[in-house]
Amino acid sequence: MLDFKIESLNLKPPPSISANHFRDVQHIATHVLIYKTVSYSEVVVLWI
């Protein structure tokens, strides 16, 4: 989980996505990783 936290700090929201929405995606992605072990990059692609 520590690796995910470090990696997520380096990610920037795409210009077309508001900061609030990006935080929501990060929150959802965290839970997906916990329960489904899906990579964060895959979750971002699904939500764009």
C-alpha atoms as a PDB file:
ATOM      1  CA  MET A   1       0.000   0.000   0.000  1.00  0.00           C
ATOM      2  CA  LEU A   2       2.934   2.304   0.675  1.00  0.00           C
ATOM      3  CA  ASP A   3       4.093   1.944  -2.937  1.00  0.00           C
ATOM      4  CA  PHE A   4       0.633   2.978  -4.152  1.00  0.00           C
ATOM      5  CA  LYS A   5       0.629   6.082  -1.924  1.00  0.00           C
ATOM      6  CA  ILE A   6       4.034   7.185  -3.221  1.00  0.00           C
ATOM      7  CA  GLU A   7       2.980   6.583  -6.825  1.00  0.00           C
ATOM      8  CA  SER A   8      -0.344   8.400  -6.433  1.00  0.00           C
ATOM      9  CA  LEU A   9       1.424  11.537  -5.193  1.00  0.00           C
ATOM     10  CA  ASN A  10       3.185  11.812  -8.554  1.00  0.00           C
ATOM     11  CA  LEU A  11      -0.018  11.607 -10.600  1.00  0.00           C
ATOM     12  CA  LYS A  12      -1.543  14.809 -11.953  1.00  0.00           C
ATOM     13  CA  PRO A  13      -5.201  15.181 -12.955  1.00  0.00           C
ATOM     14  CA  PRO A  14      -5.718  15.608 -16.703  1.00  0.00           C
ATOM     15  CA  PRO A  15      -6.693  19.203 -17.617  1.00  0.00           C
ATOM     16  CA  SER A  16     -10.151  18.039 -18.701  1.00  0.00           C
ATOM     17  CA  ILE A  17     -10.917  16.628 -15.241  1.00  0.00           C
ATOM     18  CA  SER A  18     -11.587  18.887 -12.265  1.00  0.00           C
ATOM     19  CA  ALA A  19      -9.454  18.515  -9.145  1.00  0.00           C
ATOM     20  CA  ASN A  20     -12.471  17.421  -7.100  1.00  0.00           C
ATOM     21  CA  HIS A  21     -13.379  14.706  -9.582  1.00  0.00           C
ATOM     22  CA  PHE A  22      -9.774  13.514  -9.674  1.00  0.00           C
ATOM     23  CA  ARG A  23      -9.743  13.191  -5.878  1.00  0.00           C
ATOM     24  CA  ASP A  24     -12.952  11.168  -6.094  1.00  0.00           C
ATOM     25  CA  VAL A  25     -11.305   8.880  -8.640  1.00  0.00           C
ATOM     26  CA  GLN A  26      -8.260   8.497  -6.388  1.00  0.00           C
ATOM     27  CA  HIS A  27     -10.542   7.557  -3.485  1.00  0.00           C
ATOM     28  CA  ILE A  28     -12.437   5.018  -5.591  1.00  0.00           C
ATOM     29  CA  ALA A  29      -9.217   3.637  -7.045  1.00  0.00           C
ATOM     30  CA  THR A  30      -7.834   3.095  -3.549  1.00  0.00           C
ATOM     31  CA  HIS A  31     -10.818   0.937  -2.621  1.00  0.00           C
ATOM     32  CA  VAL A  32     -10.652  -0.931  -5.909  1.00  0.00           C
ATOM     33  CA  LEU A  33      -6.997  -1.724  -5.209  1.00  0.00           C
ATOM     34  CA  ILE A  34      -7.867  -2.955  -1.737  1.00  0.00           C
ATOM     35  CA  TYR A  35     -10.717  -5.226  -2.866  1.00  0.00           C
ATOM     36  CA  LYS A  36      -9.910  -6.066  -6.472  1.00  0.00           C
ATOM     37  CA  THR A  37      -6.136  -5.512  -6.733  1.00  0.00           C
ATOM     38  CA  VAL A  38      -6.611  -3.618  -9.981  1.00  0.00           C
ATOM     39  CA  SER A  39      -3.731  -1.401 -10.979  1.00  0.00           C
ATOM     40  CA  TYR A  40      -4.251   2.330 -10.476  1.00  0.00           C
ATOM     41  CA  SER A  41      -3.506   3.137 -14.115  1.00  0.00           C
ATOM     42  CA  GLU A  42      -6.304   0.825 -15.256  1.00  0.00           C
ATOM     43  CA  VAL A  43      -8.750   2.527 -12.899  1.00  0.00           C
ATOM     44  CA  VAL A  44      -7.801   5.967 -14.233  1.00  0.00           C
ATOM     45  CA  VAL A  45      -8.382   4.800 -17.805  1.00  0.00           C
ATOM     46  CA  LEU A  46     -11.821   3.485 -16.865  1.00  0.00           C
ATOM     47  CA  TRP A  47     -12.834   6.832 -15.321  1.00  0.00           C
ATOM     48  CA  ILE A  48     -11.549   9.186 -18.056  1.00  0.00           C
END
